[in-house]
Each structure stands twice: as C-alpha cells, then as structure tokens.
Amino acid sequence: MVHGQGDRGDLEPQDFALLVEPPASLRPRLGRIAGIFADRCLGCHNDTQNDGLYSMATPLAMLKPGESQRQPIDVKAANPEWPLGEMFRRIVSSDQQERMPKDAEPLDWEEIESIREWLVTGTIVDGAVDAPLESFLTVQPPESPRRLEYPKAHPVNAVAVADDLHVVFASGYYEVLVWGFDGQLRGRIPTRGRFVADLEWNPWASSLVIASGEPGKIGWVESVRWSLASVSPNVHDAANSRRVVHWTCRDIPLDISVSPDGTRLCIGNHDGVVLVVEINSNNIVWKEAAHAAAITSVDWSEDGLTLLTASRDRTAKSYDARNGQVLTSYTDHERAVASIHSLKNGVITLDETGTIRLFPGLSASNARASRNGFRQGTDKLAATQEVVVVPSPGALRRFKLRKEEVTESKGEDGKEKKKTNYSIENLDAFELASHRIDDAPTSITVSGVGRDVIVAGFASGDIVVWAPESNAIYRIQNRATVSPP
C-alpha cells in the first residue's frame, strides 16, 4: 500500500510491517536518519529547550516519555493502534495541533519512510546511547580545498603555533592553513566545519586539535596528526591523515585546551557544559553542566590537577580536573568573562568591560590586583606562567605579574605584620601601527614549547609572529595560493 504526503493520517497499523525482514547488517542505523532529527526536531527538543518535556539530545533521551507520558518509540507494539510509538504518530498526524515539527513544514514522504524503516527494523543505534545525536551525523572533511585559491586574505578566527617546527596554524575556509614563519604555505588541513573557532597544538602527540562547525547547528572537536612531511601545501590529506573525532555537539565549542602532559582535552561548550576527554582512548573522564551560558575560555593549571573555565554568565570557576568537582568561583566580574588563564601566582581573567583581574593562587575568589582601560568586548588573553599578553588596538601589550612580601609596622601587640602584595606591571609592547595594522587581534596565542613566541591573527587576514626575546618579527598573509609543482 503506497501513500502520498496528503493522506498520512490514513495509515493503518499493517502498513508498518515489512514483507521480508532484512539481515542485521543491512538494517538502517540511526546515523542514516540523524540528519532529519537534527535539522527538523532537535531545535525544539534538546537539553536546554525540551518542548513538551521531550528531548532528542541523545538516543537514550529519545526513549523517555514527555508530558504526554506515551512511549515515544514503541517497537514492541505495546500500543497496537500506533505500534511505532508517540513520536511517529506525531510526525504523520493530520491534526495541525499535534503534528511535528510544530509551526513548520511537515516532513516529506522520503523522510517519513526513512524514519519508519529505522523503527520497524529495531531502532539500531550505531554508537553509544548517551552520545549526542549530532555525533551520529556522517560528515567527512573535504578531500580537496573548497577554494583552491583565496581571492583575498581570510579572517583569522583562531591560531596555534608549533614553535619547534616554526609553523603557525591559522583558520581558513573549511580548512586550517599551515604557515612557516617565513610566510610560505606548508600545508592545508581539511576540517568538517566551515568555521574554525579554536586551535590547539599538542606537542606530545604532534597533533593539531581543531574545533570547527556551523554556528548554531553542529560542531566537532577533532585531532589531526601533522608533521612537516605530512602533505603537499596544495593537497588536502583528508583520507590518509590520522584524525580522531573527540566530540560532536549542537554548536561550535568556543574554546578547547590540551592538558600540560598532552593526555587530556578540555572542551567548553555553548550550552555551558564542560567536559574532559582522554585523548588516546577518547573516553569521557567527566562532564558537567558548569555554567548558565556559553563557556568562552578553558585552561589547565601547570600541574594539570586543576581546570579553569570562564563564561558569558559573568562567572569563572576552577575544578578538580580528576572528577569535575567545583573548587572555586571567581567573583568581581561585571560582564561576561571572555578569557581565563592559569599562572604561577594565580589566575588571570579578562571580562567584556576591558578589565584584567589577578586572583592569587587557585583558591582565592576575590581579585587582589586589576587593570582596566582595555578594549571592551570579547578579546582573549594569552599567557605563560609569569607573563600576560593583552591585545589592544594598535599593539600587543605584555605585562609582568609580581608578587611581593612586605613587612608592615608593628601593631599594638608589638609584632610585625607581613602582607603579600600583587601587581600587574607593564613589561613591553609590540606596536602594530609600524606594520600598518590598526585593529586589535581577533585571536592570540603563546607557544608552550621552548621560548615564548606570540602569534596574533586579525580580521584583515594578517598574522603577526613576535619572539620578544630575540625581537624577531614575522608577518604572514592568510591567503592560500597554488604553489608551482
């Protein structure tokens, strides 16, 4: 019996039976229809917006009834009238008040048939039942550049630096461009997503960790092994490069950070969830709904025992990196906290008011030193254990963090009192105006290998590499071109 889209309400229970049951190897998997659910259902039925108290965020959540208390998926035919469950009944209903998706065009017949086939063949889930629905989407990185040559320099949303290899990684269009300090294109790494939000170089594994995706739709965090001999500058090595997808979510994570020993990866998500993943096994160590808004920045303490997060909800926090237990909430912030870093003498933050604050140690909840007057917005800091780099219009400004023990005069008890003072002092600055760059960086990083190398990327497509110790300066244009063979 064949039906058109207009008579879906006339479906009978026998229409859901298969004439011949296919072998298990040929039965549809969730991955086949995950795109339908993600595009048409997940916007209203996710972890943060579960209309009707029903969530489709994971396969496990899809099995739990919403406010109707009817079984969403009923492959055992507990209800003979609608043997496939409440979800399918709503999809094919002719009642405009009940049909899903609500206030939108109905699913077409091919989409309905694909969902029906998945249901009647046993709702096979080709992955973990508690994994995000987006992780079942089949999206491969492009095998060749979407744009072989760029008509102009591409805005630099994210940068990373491998100081030992003398290369800079910069966000491109569906790819990461790899530049030598000399400005020569050394490689092109494909990405699943068009927009690259963050990059982290893991020197222990010789791999680049990439957060990419489509804003508001889907995001991936994956690591790719890379060396100077990996690929030709003009070739994408999507098929042969060793890459692992660590996380898939409904929006692009704004910040990622590799642990000091290179074994764990922290991911800050748009929905306020922070998680730690073991890089080798890809197991989730812990996952917590830590903030009420998007997480903007994450970082590890030098010993890897403490994790730091900052958020648009105007808070910043520290956690036991082993289990996610909250240790400290850093207060004093007036606006969204754009950036957070661990330091030798404590924690440094930058919020949208253009104020940097120093919190002594990892447990002090109140700032003991601050400086303001920086550009208001969502700029990111870069830092080593003792030096902080703050982007500003026309300059990269470096500050030294100082801790000083002072002895005050004797009190009434005749004893001397000791006091610890903290300060944020000017160190030096790199004036960008001398290189005809007037705006502030959109991305910034400091090398974690060997000497300090500061890399800043700009919306204009400029990349500046600054080595303060040698005062070496390199300038790169983030514009891919085809090199001669």
Foldseek 3Di string as FASTA:
>chain_A
DDDFLVPLQPDFLVVLDDPDQDPPVPQDALLVQLVVCLVFPQVQADPVHRVQQQHPFFLVSQQQDGVVRWGQAALVQPPSRDRGTDVLCQLSHPDQVRHPPHPDDGDGPVSSVSVSSCRNNPHHYPDDRPATSQVSHDFFFDFADPDLWDPFFAFFQEKEDDVVQQWIWTDDAQWIWIAHLQQDTQAIEGHRARAWQYWYQQPLQQWIWTWHHDAQAKIWTKIWHDDSPPDHSRGYPRPPIDMDTLGMDGGTFNEKEAFLNRQKIWTWAQQQKIWIAGPPVSHTQEIDSHDRGGWQEKEAANVRQKIKTFFQRQWIFIAGNRYGHTQEIADDGDGGWQEWYAALQAIWTAAQQQKIFGAGHDRRNYGQEMDGDAHGDRFYWEDDRFKIWGWGFQKTWIWGKDKDKDWDAADPVRDIDIDIHIYIGTDDMDGCVVVVGGGTFSYWYWDPDDATWIWGTGNSQKIWIARPVVRDIGIYRNIRDDDDD
